[in-house]
Structures are given as C-alpha cells and as structure tokens.
Amino acid sequence: MSEGKISALPVPETEALDEDLRKYFRICEEKLGLVPNVLRVYAFKPNRLRRFIDSYNEIMLGDDSPLTKLEREMIAVTVSACNRCFYCLVAHGQQVRALSGDPILGEHIALNYRTAPLEPRQRAMLDYAWKLTEKPAEVGEADRTALREAGFDDSAIWDITETASFFNYTNRMAHGVDMMPNADYHGMDR
C-alpha cells in the first residue's frame, strides 16, 4: 500500500538522521517489515524520538511487567478508542490481532471493549484505563480496589496506569500533528 502524507509537520528523510536512528529504523524494517510512522514523525525532534523509543520499549515491550504484552496493547486500544485516535487504533489494533491470534478482537475493543469477549480481569483493567482517560479526576481508591479484587497487585496497577497515561500522551501528539498510521497495518494479521 502506498503512503500519503503522514504528518502535518515536516518528516525528515531517513538518510538525514543520525546513525543510531538510521540503525534503529533498519532494525524496525527487518523485524516489522516497516518503520512505524510514529517513529518517522518523532524524528522531527531526534532527541525526543530517542526518549520516546526508550519509554515505549520499556512500557510496552519490557519483560518485567506483570501485564502481558497483549494486555498492554488492549489498554492502548481502549485509551485510543476513548480519545478517538486513528493512528493508535490502527497500529495497536493490529498488535492486538497479532498477539491474540484473533482477527476481530482489536476492532471489537476499539469499537466497544465492554461487549468484547474478555476475562473479568481484563474487563476490570480496561474499565480503569477508560475511566483514567475519560474522567481522570474521578479515579480513586475504589478504582484501585476494584483492580485488586480482579487480581492485580500494586505493580500491575502501576503498569496499567502508566500504559494508559502513555497512550493519552501519544494520542494527543498524534492528534496535534495529524499523524497517519502506516497503510500496511490495515491488512496485517487478518
């Protein structure tokens, strides 16, 4: 699929980037078959891109989380649904499909996670992520208690909160610079 405009702001050419970022882009191309547009857009500010990569990799791919990678992606899609973030719904919906092996689950969560076939534990996690996104000032101890009753410990509650918070940030960046997802995501893992 062809790529059109991917941001309202300038996107630097890969060849113009520092070697460490060009190397990272090559690794993405090898592992994913593409360079996610979010990285190409963040290259507008190379030092911010480096920090974004570090944060994303730790939050979403780190092995020290009590949450599975699929659960973190489910949070990303739920937050992005609440915020109506096209970029993240497409990109992270694809990751839900890839990690779950279910070609429908990503869209189901994106359109209405409350009707998706989820375990009660996952539903509690997504209820919390939605509330933290939609009404952050109303989140309180009762919400954390509900997570504990669903089986989450304090470390997991931290990770749910951090993942939801990270995607609230990235959703706002995507909206603010009119970031478009890679067209390839639409057909992947179907």
C-alpha atoms as a PDB file:
ATOM      1  CA  MET A   1       0.000   0.000   0.000  1.00  0.00           C
ATOM      2  CA  SER A   2       1.233   3.478  -0.715  1.00  0.00           C
ATOM      3  CA  GLU A   3       1.857   6.036   1.966  1.00  0.00           C
ATOM      4  CA  GLY A   4       0.487   9.533   1.608  1.00  0.00           C
ATOM      5  CA  LYS A   5       1.128  12.422   3.952  1.00  0.00           C
ATOM      6  CA  ILE A   6       1.960  11.087   7.404  1.00  0.00           C
ATOM      7  CA  SER A   7       2.045  14.319   9.412  1.00  0.00           C
ATOM      8  CA  ALA A   8       1.059  17.959   9.218  1.00  0.00           C
ATOM      9  CA  LEU A   9       4.645  18.787  10.225  1.00  0.00           C
ATOM     10  CA  PRO A  10       7.805  18.019   8.238  1.00  0.00           C
ATOM     11  CA  VAL A  11       9.098  14.439   8.369  1.00  0.00           C
ATOM     12  CA  PRO A  12      12.859  14.206   7.901  1.00  0.00           C
ATOM     13  CA  GLU A  13      14.327  11.841   5.367  1.00  0.00           C
ATOM     14  CA  THR A  14      15.853   8.757   6.982  1.00  0.00           C
ATOM     15  CA  GLU A  15      19.222   9.496   5.368  1.00  0.00           C
ATOM     16  CA  ALA A  16      19.348  12.834   7.211  1.00  0.00           C
ATOM     17  CA  LEU A  17      19.107  11.184  10.647  1.00  0.00           C
ATOM     18  CA  ASP A  18      21.995  10.317  12.960  1.00  0.00           C
ATOM     19  CA  GLU A  19      23.436   6.831  12.514  1.00  0.00           C
ATOM     20  CA  ASP A  20      21.855   5.455  15.720  1.00  0.00           C
ATOM     21  CA  LEU A  21      18.380   6.361  14.473  1.00  0.00           C
ATOM     22  CA  ARG A  22      19.044   5.088  10.946  1.00  0.00           C
ATOM     23  CA  LYS A  23      20.179   1.800  12.535  1.00  0.00           C
ATOM     24  CA  TYR A  24      17.009   1.652  14.649  1.00  0.00           C
ATOM     25  CA  PHE A  25      14.890   2.238  11.556  1.00  0.00           C
ATOM     26  CA  ARG A  26      16.732  -0.599   9.754  1.00  0.00           C
ATOM     27  CA  ILE A  27      16.008  -2.913  12.698  1.00  0.00           C
ATOM     28  CA  CYS A  28      12.315  -1.953  12.545  1.00  0.00           C
ATOM     29  CA  GLU A  29      12.254  -2.656   8.821  1.00  0.00           C
ATOM     30  CA  GLU A  30      13.857  -6.085   9.381  1.00  0.00           C
ATOM     31  CA  LYS A  31      11.635  -7.094  12.325  1.00  0.00           C
ATOM     32  CA  LEU A  32       8.340  -5.450  11.374  1.00  0.00           C
ATOM     33  CA  GLY A  33       8.614  -5.075   7.626  1.00  0.00           C
ATOM     34  CA  LEU A  34       8.142  -1.316   8.017  1.00  0.00           C
ATOM     35  CA  VAL A  35       9.215   1.711  10.003  1.00  0.00           C
ATOM     36  CA  PRO A  36       6.201   2.796  12.064  1.00  0.00           C
ATOM     37  CA  ASN A  37       5.157   6.278  11.031  1.00  0.00           C
ATOM     38  CA  VAL A  38       5.158   7.401  14.662  1.00  0.00           C
ATOM     39  CA  LEU A  39       8.952   6.993  14.624  1.00  0.00           C
ATOM     40  CA  ARG A  40       9.298   8.837  11.348  1.00  0.00           C
ATOM     41  CA  VAL A  41       7.164  11.690  12.691  1.00  0.00           C
ATOM     42  CA  TYR A  42       9.048  11.852  16.011  1.00  0.00           C
ATOM     43  CA  ALA A  43      12.295  12.127  14.018  1.00  0.00           C
ATOM     44  CA  PHE A  44      11.325  15.790  13.630  1.00  0.00           C
ATOM     45  CA  LYS A  45      12.903  16.110  17.110  1.00  0.00           C
ATOM     46  CA  PRO A  46      15.634  13.421  17.232  1.00  0.00           C
ATOM     47  CA  ASN A  47      16.300  13.628  20.973  1.00  0.00           C
ATOM     48  CA  ARG A  48      12.584  13.338  21.712  1.00  0.00           C
ATOM     49  CA  LEU A  49      12.475  10.327  19.393  1.00  0.00           C
ATOM     50  CA  ARG A  50      15.217   8.647  21.419  1.00  0.00           C
ATOM     51  CA  ARG A  51      13.294   9.223  24.664  1.00  0.00           C
ATOM     52  CA  PHE A  52      10.063   8.054  23.021  1.00  0.00           C
ATOM     53  CA  ILE A  53      11.751   4.833  21.882  1.00  0.00           C
ATOM     54  CA  ASP A  54      13.118   4.207  25.380  1.00  0.00           C
ATOM     55  CA  SER A  55       9.747   4.840  27.053  1.00  0.00           C
ATOM     56  CA  TYR A  56       7.768   2.834  24.518  1.00  0.00           C
ATOM     57  CA  ASN A  57      10.135  -0.132  24.680  1.00  0.00           C
ATOM     58  CA  GLU A  58      10.103  -0.197  28.482  1.00  0.00           C
ATOM     59  CA  ILE A  59       6.345   0.268  28.891  1.00  0.00           C
ATOM     60  CA  MET A  60       5.113  -1.881  26.005  1.00  0.00           C
ATOM     61  CA  LEU A  61       7.833  -4.468  25.438  1.00  0.00           C
ATOM     62  CA  GLY A  62       9.573  -4.804  28.801  1.00  0.00           C
ATOM     63  CA  ASP A  63       9.611  -8.266  30.342  1.00  0.00           C
ATOM     64  CA  ASP A  64       9.410  -7.023  33.943  1.00  0.00           C
ATOM     65  CA  SER A  65       5.706  -6.131  33.823  1.00  0.00           C
ATOM     66  CA  PRO A  66       3.052  -8.310  35.465  1.00  0.00           C
ATOM     67  CA  LEU A  67       0.886  -7.443  32.437  1.00  0.00           C
ATOM     68  CA  THR A  68       1.198  -9.451  29.254  1.00  0.00           C
ATOM     69  CA  LYS A  69       2.137  -7.652  26.062  1.00  0.00           C
ATOM     70  CA  LEU A  70      -1.386  -8.358  24.816  1.00  0.00           C
ATOM     71  CA  GLU A  71      -2.915  -6.724  27.904  1.00  0.00           C
ATOM     72  CA  ARG A  72      -0.751  -3.630  27.380  1.00  0.00           C
ATOM     73  CA  GLU A  73      -1.883  -3.464  23.747  1.00  0.00           C
ATOM     74  CA  MET A  74      -5.502  -3.857  24.839  1.00  0.00           C
ATOM     75  CA  ILE A  75      -5.031  -0.841  27.115  1.00  0.00           C
ATOM     76  CA  ALA A  76      -3.507   1.106  24.212  1.00  0.00           C
ATOM     77  CA  VAL A  77      -6.532   0.367  22.022  1.00  0.00           C
ATOM     78  CA  THR A  78      -9.046   1.168  24.774  1.00  0.00           C
ATOM     79  CA  VAL A  79      -7.427   4.512  25.598  1.00  0.00           C
ATOM     80  CA  SER A  80      -7.175   5.295  21.884  1.00  0.00           C
ATOM     81  CA  ALA A  81     -10.857   4.440  21.404  1.00  0.00           C
ATOM     82  CA  CYS A  82     -11.837   6.845  24.173  1.00  0.00           C
ATOM     83  CA  ASN A  83      -9.642   9.533  22.584  1.00  0.00           C
ATOM     84  CA  ARG A  84     -10.658   8.584  19.019  1.00  0.00           C
ATOM     85  CA  CYS A  85      -7.017   8.388  17.946  1.00  0.00           C
ATOM     86  CA  PHE A  86      -6.939   6.983  14.422  1.00  0.00           C
ATOM     87  CA  TYR A  87      -3.192   6.338  14.428  1.00  0.00           C
ATOM     88  CA  CYS A  88      -3.123   4.267  17.614  1.00  0.00           C
ATOM     89  CA  LEU A  89      -6.381   2.454  16.918  1.00  0.00           C
ATOM     90  CA  VAL A  90      -4.969   1.196  13.634  1.00  0.00           C
ATOM     91  CA  ALA A  91      -1.415   0.452  14.798  1.00  0.00           C
ATOM     92  CA  HIS A  92      -2.261  -1.087  18.169  1.00  0.00           C
ATOM     93  CA  GLY A  93      -5.386  -2.808  16.874  1.00  0.00           C
ATOM     94  CA  GLN A  94      -3.001  -4.655  14.562  1.00  0.00           C
ATOM     95  CA  GLN A  95      -0.837  -5.603  17.534  1.00  0.00           C
ATOM     96  CA  VAL A  96      -3.890  -6.971  19.380  1.00  0.00           C
ATOM     97  CA  ARG A  97      -4.638  -9.092  16.304  1.00  0.00           C
ATOM     98  CA  ALA A  98      -1.032 -10.301  16.124  1.00  0.00           C
ATOM     99  CA  LEU A  99      -0.656 -11.121  19.823  1.00  0.00           C
ATOM    100  CA  SER A 100      -4.103 -12.652  20.312  1.00  0.00           C
ATOM    101  CA  GLY A 101      -4.294 -14.543  17.023  1.00  0.00           C
ATOM    102  CA  ASP A 102      -7.846 -13.168  16.787  1.00  0.00           C
ATOM    103  CA  PRO A 103      -8.544 -11.109  13.643  1.00  0.00           C
ATOM    104  CA  ILE A 104     -11.594  -9.455  15.274  1.00  0.00           C
ATOM    105  CA  LEU A 105     -10.539  -8.658  18.845  1.00  0.00           C
ATOM    106  CA  GLY A 106      -8.668  -5.424  18.067  1.00  0.00           C
ATOM    107  CA  GLU A 107     -11.661  -3.905  16.285  1.00  0.00           C
ATOM    108  CA  HIS A 108     -14.038  -5.189  18.937  1.00  0.00           C
ATOM    109  CA  ILE A 109     -12.056  -3.442  21.663  1.00  0.00           C
ATOM    110  CA  ALA A 110     -11.761  -0.327  19.512  1.00  0.00           C
ATOM    111  CA  LEU A 111     -15.491  -0.090  18.915  1.00  0.00           C
ATOM    112  CA  ASN A 112     -16.771  -1.222  22.317  1.00  0.00           C
ATOM    113  CA  TYR A 113     -14.489  -3.114  24.679  1.00  0.00           C
ATOM    114  CA  ARG A 114     -17.441  -3.617  27.054  1.00  0.00           C
ATOM    115  CA  THR A 115     -19.004  -6.113  24.615  1.00  0.00           C
ATOM    116  CA  ALA A 116     -15.754  -7.865  23.694  1.00  0.00           C
ATOM    117  CA  PRO A 117     -15.236 -11.472  24.870  1.00  0.00           C
ATOM    118  CA  LEU A 118     -12.850 -10.655  27.721  1.00  0.00           C
ATOM    119  CA  GLU A 119     -11.998 -12.257  31.031  1.00  0.00           C
ATOM    120  CA  PRO A 120     -13.376 -10.343  34.052  1.00  0.00           C
ATOM    121  CA  ARG A 121      -9.791  -9.418  34.967  1.00  0.00           C
ATOM    122  CA  GLN A 122      -9.217  -7.824  31.558  1.00  0.00           C
ATOM    123  CA  ARG A 123     -12.559  -6.031  31.676  1.00  0.00           C
ATOM    124  CA  ALA A 124     -11.671  -4.502  35.066  1.00  0.00           C
ATOM    125  CA  MET A 125      -8.306  -3.388  33.642  1.00  0.00           C
ATOM    126  CA  LEU A 126      -9.958  -1.739  30.633  1.00  0.00           C
ATOM    127  CA  ASP A 127     -12.697  -0.142  32.762  1.00  0.00           C
ATOM    128  CA  TYR A 128      -9.946   1.506  34.795  1.00  0.00           C
ATOM    129  CA  ALA A 129      -7.995   2.617  31.684  1.00  0.00           C
ATOM    130  CA  TRP A 130     -11.161   4.110  30.173  1.00  0.00           C
ATOM    131  CA  LYS A 131     -12.038   5.990  33.362  1.00  0.00           C
ATOM    132  CA  LEU A 132      -8.451   7.248  33.750  1.00  0.00           C
ATOM    133  CA  THR A 133      -8.706   8.574  30.195  1.00  0.00           C
ATOM    134  CA  GLU A 134     -12.224   9.999  30.277  1.00  0.00           C
ATOM    135  CA  LYS A 135     -12.509  11.212  33.885  1.00  0.00           C
ATOM    136  CA  PRO A 136      -9.033  11.207  35.447  1.00  0.00           C
ATOM    137  CA  ALA A 137     -10.010  13.462  38.355  1.00  0.00           C
ATOM    138  CA  GLU A 138     -12.602  10.880  39.447  1.00  0.00           C
ATOM    139  CA  VAL A 139     -10.153   7.966  39.755  1.00  0.00           C
ATOM    140  CA  GLY A 140      -9.698   6.992  43.376  1.00  0.00           C
ATOM    141  CA  GLU A 141      -9.136   4.218  45.862  1.00  0.00           C
ATOM    142  CA  ALA A 142     -12.368   2.439  44.890  1.00  0.00           C
ATOM    143  CA  ASP A 143     -10.968   2.015  41.377  1.00  0.00           C
ATOM    144  CA  ARG A 144      -7.692   0.575  42.666  1.00  0.00           C
ATOM    145  CA  THR A 145      -9.656  -1.712  44.992  1.00  0.00           C
ATOM    146  CA  ALA A 146     -11.647  -3.000  42.010  1.00  0.00           C
ATOM    147  CA  LEU A 147      -8.370  -3.799  40.259  1.00  0.00           C
ATOM    148  CA  ARG A 148      -7.056  -5.612  43.342  1.00  0.00           C
ATOM    149  CA  GLU A 149     -10.282  -7.617  43.560  1.00  0.00           C
ATOM    150  CA  ALA A 150      -9.792  -8.562  39.899  1.00  0.00           C
ATOM    151  CA  GLY A 151      -6.368  -9.988  40.778  1.00  0.00           C
ATOM    152  CA  PHE A 152      -3.963  -7.122  40.118  1.00  0.00           C
ATOM    153  CA  ASP A 153      -1.215  -6.274  42.596  1.00  0.00           C
ATOM    154  CA  ASP A 154       0.260  -2.812  43.115  1.00  0.00           C
ATOM    155  CA  SER A 155       2.921  -3.375  40.460  1.00  0.00           C
ATOM    156  CA  ALA A 156       0.246  -4.250  37.911  1.00  0.00           C
ATOM    157  CA  ILE A 157      -1.849  -1.236  38.921  1.00  0.00           C
ATOM    158  CA  TRP A 158       1.212   0.955  38.321  1.00  0.00           C
ATOM    159  CA  ASP A 159       1.732  -0.606  34.876  1.00  0.00           C
ATOM    160  CA  ILE A 160      -1.933  -0.248  33.898  1.00  0.00           C
ATOM    161  CA  THR A 161      -1.816   3.403  34.952  1.00  0.00           C
ATOM    162  CA  GLU A 162       1.487   4.064  33.202  1.00  0.00           C
ATOM    163  CA  THR A 163       0.367   2.388  29.971  1.00  0.00           C
ATOM    164  CA  ALA A 164      -2.920   4.303  29.910  1.00  0.00           C
ATOM    165  CA  SER A 165      -1.105   7.548  30.687  1.00  0.00           C
ATOM    166  CA  PHE A 166       1.491   6.957  27.976  1.00  0.00           C
ATOM    167  CA  PHE A 167      -1.220   6.440  25.369  1.00  0.00           C
ATOM    168  CA  ASN A 168      -3.121   9.509  26.477  1.00  0.00           C
ATOM    169  CA  TYR A 169       0.086  11.406  25.738  1.00  0.00           C
ATOM    170  CA  THR A 170       0.768   9.713  22.390  1.00  0.00           C
ATOM    171  CA  ASN A 171      -2.863  10.105  21.312  1.00  0.00           C
ATOM    172  CA  ARG A 172      -2.648  13.820  21.896  1.00  0.00           C
ATOM    173  CA  MET A 173       0.595  14.043  19.935  1.00  0.00           C
ATOM    174  CA  ALA A 174      -0.971  12.072  17.082  1.00  0.00           C
ATOM    175  CA  HIS A 175      -3.996  14.380  17.026  1.00  0.00           C
ATOM    176  CA  GLY A 176      -1.880  17.518  17.325  1.00  0.00           C
ATOM    177  CA  VAL A 177       0.391  16.762  14.365  1.00  0.00           C
ATOM    178  CA  ASP A 178      -2.216  14.872  12.295  1.00  0.00           C
ATOM    179  CA  MET A 179      -0.190  11.644  12.397  1.00  0.00           C
ATOM    180  CA  MET A 180      -1.338   8.938   9.979  1.00  0.00           C
ATOM    181  CA  PRO A 181      -0.731   5.207  10.513  1.00  0.00           C
ATOM    182  CA  ASN A 182       1.186   3.060   8.051  1.00  0.00           C
ATOM    183  CA  ALA A 183      -1.287   1.804   5.454  1.00  0.00           C
ATOM    184  CA  ASP A 184       0.192  -1.694   5.785  1.00  0.00           C
ATOM    185  CA  TYR A 185      -1.270  -2.085   9.289  1.00  0.00           C
ATOM    186  CA  HIS A 186      -4.793  -2.340   7.881  1.00  0.00           C
ATOM    187  CA  GLY A 187      -4.167  -5.682   6.202  1.00  0.00           C
ATOM    188  CA  MET A 188      -1.829  -7.293   8.718  1.00  0.00           C
ATOM    189  CA  ASP A 189      -2.809 -10.332  10.841  1.00  0.00           C
ATOM    190  CA  ARG A 190      -6.226 -10.742   9.314  1.00  0.00           C
END
